[in-house]
Amino acid sequence: MSNNLAAYRAIVEALRWASESAASATVEILTPVQFIPNQLTGAAECNADHLRPLRDEAAALMAQGDFTICWSPRETIQPARRYAEKAYSAARIQQKEVTQ
């Protein structure tokens, strides 16, 4: 999987989670991938055919709530990234325990 595809999938999953968990909250998603907010706001086109469905899904999810997505340099979101990695690892362990 390419980094760009993984980044879009992460955004879509974050938006899905936020739409289910924070129905009335304002949610700001920060990403170190600059082209994603640009494509979602229409400032840039999505020229990659394989990314368009994810871009469209992310845009549709954003329209369902009070969501914004912003670019942030990687070093400024590093602490959040560590928390996300820990949460992902814990979820994977929990999933393995449930399926065993």
PDB file of N, CA and C in Angstrom:
ATOM      1  N   MET A   1       0.861  -1.173   0.000  1.00  0.00           N
ATOM      2  CA  MET A   1       0.000   0.000   0.000  1.00  0.00           C
ATOM      3  C   MET A   1       0.906   1.234   0.000  1.00  0.00           C
ATOM      4  N   SER A   2       0.565   2.198  -0.808  1.00  0.00           N
ATOM      5  CA  SER A   2       1.359   3.422  -0.869  1.00  0.00           C
ATOM      6  C   SER A   2       1.099   4.288   0.365  1.00  0.00           C
ATOM      7  N   ASN A   3       2.029   5.171   0.651  1.00  0.00           N
ATOM      8  CA  ASN A   3       1.851   6.102   1.774  1.00  0.00           C
ATOM      9  C   ASN A   3       0.624   6.978   1.564  1.00  0.00           C
ATOM     10  N   ASN A   4       0.398   7.407   0.333  1.00  0.00           N
ATOM     11  CA  ASN A   4      -0.752   8.270   0.055  1.00  0.00           C
ATOM     12  C   ASN A   4      -2.067   7.532   0.298  1.00  0.00           C
ATOM     13  N   LEU A   5      -2.131   6.284  -0.125  1.00  0.00           N
ATOM     14  CA  LEU A   5      -3.322   5.483   0.096  1.00  0.00           C
ATOM     15  C   LEU A   5      -3.535   5.247   1.594  1.00  0.00           C
ATOM     16  N   ALA A   6      -2.474   4.926   2.301  1.00  0.00           N
ATOM     17  CA  ALA A   6      -2.570   4.725   3.754  1.00  0.00           C
ATOM     18  C   ALA A   6      -3.019   6.002   4.453  1.00  0.00           C
ATOM     19  N   ALA A   7      -2.516   7.146   4.012  1.00  0.00           N
ATOM     20  CA  ALA A   7      -2.902   8.417   4.627  1.00  0.00           C
ATOM     21  C   ALA A   7      -4.385   8.701   4.417  1.00  0.00           C
ATOM     22  N   TYR A   8      -4.873   8.485   3.218  1.00  0.00           N
ATOM     23  CA  TYR A   8      -6.299   8.706   2.953  1.00  0.00           C
ATOM     24  C   TYR A   8      -7.155   7.726   3.754  1.00  0.00           C
ATOM     25  N   ARG A   9      -6.733   6.476   3.834  1.00  0.00           N
ATOM     26  CA  ARG A   9      -7.500   5.494   4.614  1.00  0.00           C
ATOM     27  C   ARG A   9      -7.550   5.899   6.086  1.00  0.00           C
ATOM     28  N   ALA A  10      -6.457   6.412   6.602  1.00  0.00           N
ATOM     29  CA  ALA A  10      -6.433   6.858   7.996  1.00  0.00           C
ATOM     30  C   ALA A  10      -7.404   8.019   8.213  1.00  0.00           C
ATOM     31  N   ILE A  11      -7.452   8.940   7.272  1.00  0.00           N
ATOM     32  CA  ILE A  11      -8.377  10.070   7.370  1.00  0.00           C
ATOM     33  C   ILE A  11      -9.822   9.583   7.330  1.00  0.00           C
ATOM     34  N   VAL A  12     -10.120   8.682   6.421  1.00  0.00           N
ATOM     35  CA  VAL A  12     -11.487   8.145   6.317  1.00  0.00           C
ATOM     36  C   VAL A  12     -11.877   7.446   7.621  1.00  0.00           C
ATOM     37  N   GLU A  13     -10.984   6.637   8.167  1.00  0.00           N
ATOM     38  CA  GLU A  13     -11.293   5.935   9.416  1.00  0.00           C
ATOM     39  C   GLU A  13     -11.466   6.921  10.575  1.00  0.00           C
ATOM     40  N   ALA A  14     -10.649   7.954  10.621  1.00  0.00           N
ATOM     41  CA  ALA A  14     -10.794   8.976  11.669  1.00  0.00           C
ATOM     42  C   ALA A  14     -12.137   9.683  11.544  1.00  0.00           C
ATOM     43  N   LEU A  15     -12.538   9.986  10.331  1.00  0.00           N
ATOM     44  CA  LEU A  15     -13.826  10.643  10.113  1.00  0.00           C
ATOM     45  C   LEU A  15     -14.993   9.721  10.458  1.00  0.00           C
ATOM     46  N   ARG A  16     -14.865   8.447  10.118  1.00  0.00           N
ATOM     47  CA  ARG A  16     -15.919   7.486  10.493  1.00  0.00           C
ATOM     48  C   ARG A  16     -16.052   7.426  12.008  1.00  0.00           C
ATOM     49  N   TRP A  17     -14.920   7.287  12.674  1.00  0.00           N
ATOM     50  CA  TRP A  17     -14.934   7.202  14.136  1.00  0.00           C
ATOM     51  C   TRP A  17     -15.522   8.473  14.733  1.00  0.00           C
ATOM     52  N   ALA A  18     -15.094   9.621  14.244  1.00  0.00           N
ATOM     53  CA  ALA A  18     -15.588  10.896  14.774  1.00  0.00           C
ATOM     54  C   ALA A  18     -17.077  11.063  14.519  1.00  0.00           C
ATOM     55  N   SER A  19     -17.550  10.636  13.367  1.00  0.00           N
ATOM     56  CA  SER A  19     -18.977  10.795  13.062  1.00  0.00           C
ATOM     57  C   SER A  19     -19.834   9.898  13.952  1.00  0.00           C
ATOM     58  N   GLU A  20     -19.292   8.759  14.362  1.00  0.00           N
ATOM     59  CA  GLU A  20     -20.028   7.858  15.252  1.00  0.00           C
ATOM     60  C   GLU A  20     -19.891   8.257  16.717  1.00  0.00           C
ATOM     61  N   SER A  21     -18.756   8.835  17.088  1.00  0.00           N
ATOM     62  CA  SER A  21     -18.450   9.087  18.491  1.00  0.00           C
ATOM     63  C   SER A  21     -18.726  10.512  18.952  1.00  0.00           C
ATOM     64  N   ALA A  22     -18.634  11.453  18.067  1.00  0.00           N
ATOM     65  CA  ALA A  22     -18.717  12.861  18.454  1.00  0.00           C
ATOM     66  C   ALA A  22     -19.750  13.571  17.600  1.00  0.00           C
ATOM     67  N   ALA A  23     -20.964  13.105  17.675  1.00  0.00           N
ATOM     68  CA  ALA A  23     -22.019  13.574  16.775  1.00  0.00           C
ATOM     69  C   ALA A  23     -22.199  15.080  16.780  1.00  0.00           C
ATOM     70  N   SER A  24     -22.100  15.721  17.938  1.00  0.00           N
ATOM     71  CA  SER A  24     -22.366  17.154  17.981  1.00  0.00           C
ATOM     72  C   SER A  24     -21.107  17.984  18.228  1.00  0.00           C
ATOM     73  N   ALA A  25     -19.958  17.349  18.262  1.00  0.00           N
ATOM     74  CA  ALA A  25     -18.721  18.068  18.563  1.00  0.00           C
ATOM     75  C   ALA A  25     -18.073  18.622  17.294  1.00  0.00           C
ATOM     76  N   THR A  26     -17.316  19.677  17.483  1.00  0.00           N
ATOM     77  CA  THR A  26     -16.468  20.188  16.416  1.00  0.00           C
ATOM     78  C   THR A  26     -15.173  19.387  16.452  1.00  0.00           C
ATOM     79  N   VAL A  27     -14.790  18.830  15.324  1.00  0.00           N
ATOM     80  CA  VAL A  27     -13.614  17.978  15.266  1.00  0.00           C
ATOM     81  C   VAL A  27     -12.645  18.532  14.231  1.00  0.00           C
ATOM     82  N   GLU A  28     -11.402  18.700  14.654  1.00  0.00           N
ATOM     83  CA  GLU A  28     -10.345  19.126  13.746  1.00  0.00           C
ATOM     84  C   GLU A  28      -9.361  17.983  13.609  1.00  0.00           C
ATOM     85  N   ILE A  29      -9.130  17.557  12.392  1.00  0.00           N
ATOM     86  CA  ILE A  29      -8.186  16.488  12.117  1.00  0.00           C
ATOM     87  C   ILE A  29      -6.935  17.113  11.528  1.00  0.00           C
ATOM     88  N   LEU A  30      -5.797  16.764  12.113  1.00  0.00           N
ATOM     89  CA  LEU A  30      -4.517  17.249  11.627  1.00  0.00           C
ATOM     90  C   LEU A  30      -3.814  16.126  10.891  1.00  0.00           C
ATOM     91  N   THR A  31      -3.225  16.454   9.776  1.00  0.00           N
ATOM     92  CA  THR A  31      -2.499  15.464   8.989  1.00  0.00           C
ATOM     93  C   THR A  31      -1.171  16.046   8.524  1.00  0.00           C
ATOM     94  N   PRO A  32      -0.121  15.214   8.514  1.00  0.00           N
ATOM     95  CA  PRO A  32       1.155  15.684   7.985  1.00  0.00           C
ATOM     96  C   PRO A  32       1.233  15.584   6.463  1.00  0.00           C
ATOM     97  N   VAL A  33       0.165  15.122   5.840  1.00  0.00           N
ATOM     98  CA  VAL A  33       0.127  14.949   4.388  1.00  0.00           C
ATOM     99  C   VAL A  33      -0.603  16.148   3.792  1.00  0.00           C
ATOM    100  N   GLN A  34       0.147  17.061   3.237  1.00  0.00           N
ATOM    101  CA  GLN A  34      -0.391  18.357   2.831  1.00  0.00           C
ATOM    102  C   GLN A  34      -1.420  18.280   1.702  1.00  0.00           C
ATOM    103  N   PHE A  35      -1.299  17.322   0.813  1.00  0.00           N
ATOM    104  CA  PHE A  35      -2.215  17.303  -0.327  1.00  0.00           C
ATOM    105  C   PHE A  35      -3.641  16.913   0.064  1.00  0.00           C
ATOM    106  N   ILE A  36      -3.820  16.185   1.152  1.00  0.00           N
ATOM    107  CA  ILE A  36      -5.165  15.728   1.515  1.00  0.00           C
ATOM    108  C   ILE A  36      -6.086  16.894   1.854  1.00  0.00           C
ATOM    109  N   PRO A  37      -5.728  17.790   2.769  1.00  0.00           N
ATOM    110  CA  PRO A  37      -6.619  18.929   3.008  1.00  0.00           C
ATOM    111  C   PRO A  37      -6.832  19.771   1.755  1.00  0.00           C
ATOM    112  N   ASN A  38      -5.794  19.909   0.950  1.00  0.00           N
ATOM    113  CA  ASN A  38      -5.924  20.687  -0.287  1.00  0.00           C
ATOM    114  C   ASN A  38      -6.936  20.047  -1.242  1.00  0.00           C
ATOM    115  N   GLN A  39      -6.912  18.733  -1.341  1.00  0.00           N
ATOM    116  CA  GLN A  39      -7.866  18.056  -2.219  1.00  0.00           C
ATOM    117  C   GLN A  39      -9.282  18.091  -1.643  1.00  0.00           C
ATOM    118  N   LEU A  40      -9.398  17.945  -0.331  1.00  0.00           N
ATOM    119  CA  LEU A  40     -10.724  17.938   0.282  1.00  0.00           C
ATOM    120  C   LEU A  40     -11.386  19.308   0.278  1.00  0.00           C
ATOM    121  N   THR A  41     -10.594  20.360   0.270  1.00  0.00           N
ATOM    122  CA  THR A  41     -11.168  21.704   0.223  1.00  0.00           C
ATOM    123  C   THR A  41     -11.328  22.212  -1.208  1.00  0.00           C
ATOM    124  N   GLY A  42     -10.810  21.462  -2.169  1.00  0.00           N
ATOM    125  CA  GLY A  42     -10.920  21.870  -3.562  1.00  0.00           C
ATOM    126  C   GLY A  42      -9.782  22.756  -4.028  1.00  0.00           C
ATOM    127  N   ALA A  43      -8.800  22.998  -3.168  1.00  0.00           N
ATOM    128  CA  ALA A  43      -7.654  23.819  -3.553  1.00  0.00           C
ATOM    129  C   ALA A  43      -6.732  23.085  -4.533  1.00  0.00           C
ATOM    130  N   ALA A  44      -6.827  21.759  -4.547  1.00  0.00           N
ATOM    131  CA  ALA A  44      -6.020  20.959  -5.468  1.00  0.00           C
ATOM    132  C   ALA A  44      -6.892  19.832  -6.010  1.00  0.00           C
ATOM    133  N   GLU A  45      -6.559  19.387  -7.204  1.00  0.00           N
ATOM    134  CA  GLU A  45      -7.294  18.279  -7.804  1.00  0.00           C
ATOM    135  C   GLU A  45      -6.677  16.955  -7.372  1.00  0.00           C
ATOM    136  N   CYS A  46      -7.473  15.925  -7.407  1.00  0.00           N
ATOM    137  CA  CYS A  46      -6.996  14.566  -7.142  1.00  0.00           C
ATOM    138  C   CYS A  46      -6.809  13.892  -8.495  1.00  0.00           C
ATOM    139  N   ASN A  47      -5.567  13.752  -8.911  1.00  0.00           N
ATOM    140  CA  ASN A  47      -5.276  13.182 -10.220  1.00  0.00           C
ATOM    141  C   ASN A  47      -5.041  11.676 -10.176  1.00  0.00           C
ATOM    142  N   ALA A  48      -5.019  11.102  -8.983  1.00  0.00           N
ATOM    143  CA  ALA A  48      -4.779   9.667  -8.847  1.00  0.00           C
ATOM    144  C   ALA A  48      -6.110   8.928  -8.794  1.00  0.00           C
ATOM    145  N   ASP A  49      -6.368   8.131  -9.804  1.00  0.00           N
ATOM    146  CA  ASP A  49      -7.644   7.417  -9.890  1.00  0.00           C
ATOM    147  C   ASP A  49      -7.923   6.568  -8.658  1.00  0.00           C
ATOM    148  N   HIS A  50      -6.887   5.935  -8.103  1.00  0.00           N
ATOM    149  CA  HIS A  50      -7.092   5.041  -6.965  1.00  0.00           C
ATOM    150  C   HIS A  50      -7.389   5.786  -5.662  1.00  0.00           C
ATOM    151  N   LEU A  51      -7.125   7.096  -5.615  1.00  0.00           N
ATOM    152  CA  LEU A  51      -7.397   7.885  -4.407  1.00  0.00           C
ATOM    153  C   LEU A  51      -8.754   8.592  -4.453  1.00  0.00           C
ATOM    154  N   ARG A  52      -9.305   8.763  -5.636  1.00  0.00           N
ATOM    155  CA  ARG A  52     -10.572   9.504  -5.759  1.00  0.00           C
ATOM    156  C   ARG A  52     -11.711   8.930  -4.920  1.00  0.00           C
ATOM    157  N   PRO A  53     -11.913   7.603  -4.890  1.00  0.00           N
ATOM    158  CA  PRO A  53     -13.006   7.091  -4.053  1.00  0.00           C
ATOM    159  C   PRO A  53     -12.821   7.423  -2.573  1.00  0.00           C
ATOM    160  N   LEU A  54     -11.592   7.384  -2.097  1.00  0.00           N
ATOM    161  CA  LEU A  54     -11.333   7.729  -0.700  1.00  0.00           C
ATOM    162  C   LEU A  54     -11.507   9.222  -0.463  1.00  0.00           C
ATOM    163  N   ARG A  55     -11.081  10.026  -1.420  1.00  0.00           N
ATOM    164  CA  ARG A  55     -11.301  11.467  -1.309  1.00  0.00           C
ATOM    165  C   ARG A  55     -12.790  11.774  -1.254  1.00  0.00           C
ATOM    166  N   ASP A  56     -13.562  11.127  -2.114  1.00  0.00           N
ATOM    167  CA  ASP A  56     -15.007  11.350  -2.146  1.00  0.00           C
ATOM    168  C   ASP A  56     -15.675  10.887  -0.851  1.00  0.00           C
ATOM    169  N   GLU A  57     -15.231   9.742  -0.329  1.00  0.00           N
ATOM    170  CA  GLU A  57     -15.790   9.253   0.935  1.00  0.00           C
ATOM    171  C   GLU A  57     -15.449  10.193   2.083  1.00  0.00           C
ATOM    172  N   ALA A  58     -14.205  10.663   2.122  1.00  0.00           N
ATOM    173  CA  ALA A  58     -13.804  11.597   3.169  1.00  0.00           C
ATOM    174  C   ALA A  58     -14.608  12.893   3.078  1.00  0.00           C
ATOM    175  N   ALA A  59     -14.804  13.392   1.873  1.00  0.00           N
ATOM    176  CA  ALA A  59     -15.581  14.624   1.682  1.00  0.00           C
ATOM    177  C   ALA A  59     -17.025  14.428   2.133  1.00  0.00           C
ATOM    178  N   ALA A  60     -17.606  13.279   1.812  1.00  0.00           N
ATOM    179  CA  ALA A  60     -18.985  13.000   2.222  1.00  0.00           C
ATOM    180  C   ALA A  60     -19.091  12.908   3.742  1.00  0.00           C
ATOM    181  N   LEU A  61     -18.123  12.263   4.379  1.00  0.00           N
ATOM    182  CA  LEU A  61     -18.130  12.169   5.837  1.00  0.00           C
ATOM    183  C   LEU A  61     -17.964  13.545   6.476  1.00  0.00           C
ATOM    184  N   MET A  62     -17.107  14.371   5.902  1.00  0.00           N
ATOM    185  CA  MET A  62     -16.908  15.721   6.443  1.00  0.00           C
ATOM    186  C   MET A  62     -18.187  16.540   6.353  1.00  0.00           C
ATOM    187  N   ALA A  63     -18.956  16.323   5.322  1.00  0.00           N
ATOM    188  CA  ALA A  63     -20.202  17.069   5.133  1.00  0.00           C
ATOM    189  C   ALA A  63     -21.274  16.675   6.151  1.00  0.00           C
ATOM    190  N   GLN A  64     -21.110  15.525   6.797  1.00  0.00           N
ATOM    191  CA  GLN A  64     -22.097  15.043   7.755  1.00  0.00           C
ATOM    192  C   GLN A  64     -21.922  15.629   9.152  1.00  0.00           C
ATOM    193  N   GLY A  65     -20.840  16.316   9.387  1.00  0.00           N
ATOM    194  CA  GLY A  65     -20.591  16.847  10.732  1.00  0.00           C
ATOM    195  C   GLY A  65     -19.822  18.136  10.679  1.00  0.00           C
ATOM    196  N   ASP A  66     -19.421  18.586  11.835  1.00  0.00           N
ATOM    197  CA  ASP A  66     -18.630  19.818  11.950  1.00  0.00           C
ATOM    198  C   ASP A  66     -17.157  19.434  12.000  1.00  0.00           C
ATOM    199  N   PHE A  67     -16.634  19.030  10.837  1.00  0.00           N
ATOM    200  CA  PHE A  67     -15.266  18.550  10.736  1.00  0.00           C
ATOM    201  C   PHE A  67     -14.423  19.488   9.891  1.00  0.00           C
ATOM    202  N   THR A  68     -13.196  19.663  10.311  1.00  0.00           N
ATOM    203  CA  THR A  68     -12.210  20.362   9.487  1.00  0.00           C
ATOM    204  C   THR A  68     -10.966  19.486   9.438  1.00  0.00           C
ATOM    205  N   ILE A  69     -10.211  19.642   8.387  1.00  0.00           N
ATOM    206  CA  ILE A  69      -8.954  18.921   8.248  1.00  0.00           C
ATOM    207  C   ILE A  69      -7.889  19.917   7.859  1.00  0.00           C
ATOM    208  N   CYS A  70      -6.782  19.859   8.555  1.00  0.00           N
ATOM    209  CA  CYS A  70      -5.707  20.826   8.344  1.00  0.00           C
ATOM    210  C   CYS A  70      -4.368  20.121   8.246  1.00  0.00           C
ATOM    211  N   TRP A  71      -3.495  20.700   7.473  1.00  0.00           N
ATOM    212  CA  TRP A  71      -2.129  20.208   7.404  1.00  0.00           C
ATOM    213  C   TRP A  71      -1.363  20.730   8.610  1.00  0.00           C
ATOM    214  N   SER A  72      -0.541  19.876   9.173  1.00  0.00           N
ATOM    215  CA  SER A  72       0.327  20.255  10.284  1.00  0.00           C
ATOM    216  C   SER A  72       1.657  19.549  10.077  1.00  0.00           C
ATOM    217  N   PRO A  73       2.759  20.244  10.251  1.00  0.00           N
ATOM    218  CA  PRO A  73       4.061  19.583  10.067  1.00  0.00           C
ATOM    219  C   PRO A  73       4.177  18.347  10.956  1.00  0.00           C
ATOM    220  N   ARG A  74       4.810  17.343  10.455  1.00  0.00           N
ATOM    221  CA  ARG A  74       4.938  16.063  11.149  1.00  0.00           C
ATOM    222  C   ARG A  74       5.444  16.219  12.582  1.00  0.00           C
ATOM    223  N   GLU A  75       6.416  17.078  12.793  1.00  0.00           N
ATOM    224  CA  GLU A  75       6.994  17.213  14.133  1.00  0.00           C
ATOM    225  C   GLU A  75       6.010  17.798  15.154  1.00  0.00           C
ATOM    226  N   THR A  76       5.023  18.549  14.690  1.00  0.00           N
ATOM    227  CA  THR A  76       4.059  19.132  15.637  1.00  0.00           C
ATOM    228  C   THR A  76       2.984  18.145  16.061  1.00  0.00           C
ATOM    229  N   ILE A  77       2.798  17.080  15.284  1.00  0.00           N
ATOM    230  CA  ILE A  77       1.781  16.098  15.659  1.00  0.00           C
ATOM    231  C   ILE A  77       2.395  14.788  16.138  1.00  0.00           C
ATOM    232  N   GLN A  78       3.687  14.781  16.362  1.00  0.00           N
ATOM    233  CA  GLN A  78       4.370  13.558  16.793  1.00  0.00           C
ATOM    234  C   GLN A  78       3.793  12.981  18.084  1.00  0.00           C
ATOM    235  N   PRO A  79       3.493  13.790  19.117  1.00  0.00           N
ATOM    236  CA  PRO A  79       2.892  13.198  20.335  1.00  0.00           C
ATOM    237  C   PRO A  79       1.560  12.507  20.050  1.00  0.00           C
ATOM    238  N   ALA A  80       0.727  13.096  19.227  1.00  0.00           N
ATOM    239  CA  ALA A  80      -0.553  12.474  18.883  1.00  0.00           C
ATOM    240  C   ALA A  80      -0.320  11.185  18.100  1.00  0.00           C
ATOM    241  N   ARG A  81       0.678  11.174  17.285  1.00  0.00           N
ATOM    242  CA  ARG A  81       0.981   9.983  16.507  1.00  0.00           C
ATOM    243  C   ARG A  81       1.371   8.825  17.422  1.00  0.00           C
ATOM    244  N   ARG A  82       2.151   9.124  18.473  1.00  0.00           N
ATOM    245  CA  ARG A  82       2.527   8.074  19.420  1.00  0.00           C
ATOM    246  C   ARG A  82       1.296   7.504  20.118  1.00  0.00           C
ATOM    247  N   TYR A  83       0.350   8.377  20.509  1.00  0.00           N
ATOM    248  CA  TYR A  83      -0.890   7.898  21.133  1.00  0.00           C
ATOM    249  C   TYR A  83      -1.692   7.043  20.163  1.00  0.00           C
ATOM    250  N   ALA A  84      -1.759   7.462  18.931  1.00  0.00           N
ATOM    251  CA  ALA A  84      -2.505   6.700  17.918  1.00  0.00           C
ATOM    252  C   ALA A  84      -1.878   5.326  17.712  1.00  0.00           C
ATOM    253  N   GLU A  85      -0.555   5.261  17.685  1.00  0.00           N
ATOM    254  CA  GLU A  85       0.121   3.973  17.507  1.00  0.00           C
ATOM    255  C   GLU A  85      -0.143   3.052  18.699  1.00  0.00           C
ATOM    256  N   LYS A  86      -0.141   3.615  19.917  1.00  0.00           N
ATOM    257  CA  LYS A  86      -0.445   2.815  21.111  1.00  0.00           C
ATOM    258  C   LYS A  86      -1.889   2.315  21.064  1.00  0.00           C
ATOM    259  N   ALA A  87      -2.808   3.182  20.686  1.00  0.00           N
ATOM    260  CA  ALA A  87      -4.218   2.781  20.606  1.00  0.00           C
ATOM    261  C   ALA A  87      -4.410   1.709  19.542  1.00  0.00           C
ATOM    262  N   TYR A  88      -3.748   1.853  18.429  1.00  0.00           N
ATOM    263  CA  TYR A  88      -3.850   0.859  17.362  1.00  0.00           C
ATOM    264  C   TYR A  88      -3.312  -0.491  17.835  1.00  0.00           C
ATOM    265  N   SER A  89      -2.170  -0.473  18.496  1.00  0.00           N
ATOM    266  CA  SER A  89      -1.591  -1.722  19.010  1.00  0.00           C
ATOM    267  C   SER A  89      -2.517  -2.377  20.021  1.00  0.00           C
ATOM    268  N   ALA A  90      -3.085  -1.587  20.924  1.00  0.00           N
ATOM    269  CA  ALA A  90      -4.009  -2.130  21.924  1.00  0.00           C
ATOM    270  C   ALA A  90      -5.245  -2.723  21.257  1.00  0.00           C
ATOM    271  N   ALA A  91      -5.754  -2.064  20.239  1.00  0.00           N
ATOM    272  CA  ALA A  91      -6.932  -2.568  19.530  1.00  0.00           C
ATOM    273  C   ALA A  91      -6.613  -3.873  18.816  1.00  0.00           C
ATOM    274  N   ARG A  92      -5.441  -3.981  18.237  1.00  0.00           N
ATOM    275  CA  ARG A  92      -5.047  -5.219  17.551  1.00  0.00           C
ATOM    276  C   ARG A  92      -4.938  -6.370  18.543  1.00  0.00           C
ATOM    277  N   ILE A  93      -4.367  -6.092  19.723  1.00  0.00           N
ATOM    278  CA  ILE A  93      -4.248  -7.129  20.763  1.00  0.00           C
ATOM    279  C   ILE A  93      -5.642  -7.562  21.217  1.00  0.00           C
ATOM    280  N   GLN A  94      -6.501  -6.602  21.436  1.00  0.00           N
ATOM    281  CA  GLN A  94      -7.874  -6.902  21.859  1.00  0.00           C
ATOM    282  C   GLN A  94      -8.615  -7.713  20.796  1.00  0.00           C
ATOM    283  N   GLN A  95      -8.425  -7.354  19.546  1.00  0.00           N
ATOM    284  CA  GLN A  95      -9.074  -8.073  18.452  1.00  0.00           C
ATOM    285  C   GLN A  95      -8.589  -9.520  18.407  1.00  0.00           C
ATOM    286  N   LYS A  96      -7.291  -9.735  18.604  1.00  0.00           N
ATOM    287  CA  LYS A  96      -6.748 -11.102  18.605  1.00  0.00           C
ATOM    288  C   LYS A  96      -7.338 -11.914  19.748  1.00  0.00           C
ATOM    289  N   GLU A  97      -7.484 -11.279  20.924  1.00  0.00           N
ATOM    290  CA  GLU A  97      -8.042 -11.993  22.082  1.00  0.00           C
ATOM    291  C   GLU A  97      -9.497 -12.376  21.843  1.00  0.00           C
ATOM    292  N   VAL A  98     -10.240 -11.515  21.187  1.00  0.00           N
ATOM    293  CA  VAL A  98     -11.657 -11.795  20.924  1.00  0.00           C
ATOM    294  C   VAL A  98     -11.811 -12.934  19.919  1.00  0.00           C
ATOM    295  N   THR A  99     -10.938 -12.979  18.925  1.00  0.00           N
ATOM    296  CA  THR A  99     -11.069 -13.996  17.886  1.00  0.00           C
ATOM    297  C   THR A  99     -10.484 -15.346  18.284  1.00  0.00           C
ATOM    298  N   GLN A 100      -9.748 -15.391  19.375  1.00  0.00           N
ATOM    299  CA  GLN A 100      -9.147 -16.672  19.798  1.00  0.00           C
ATOM    300  C   GLN A 100     -10.066 -17.458  20.676  1.00  0.00           C
TER     301      GLN A 100
END
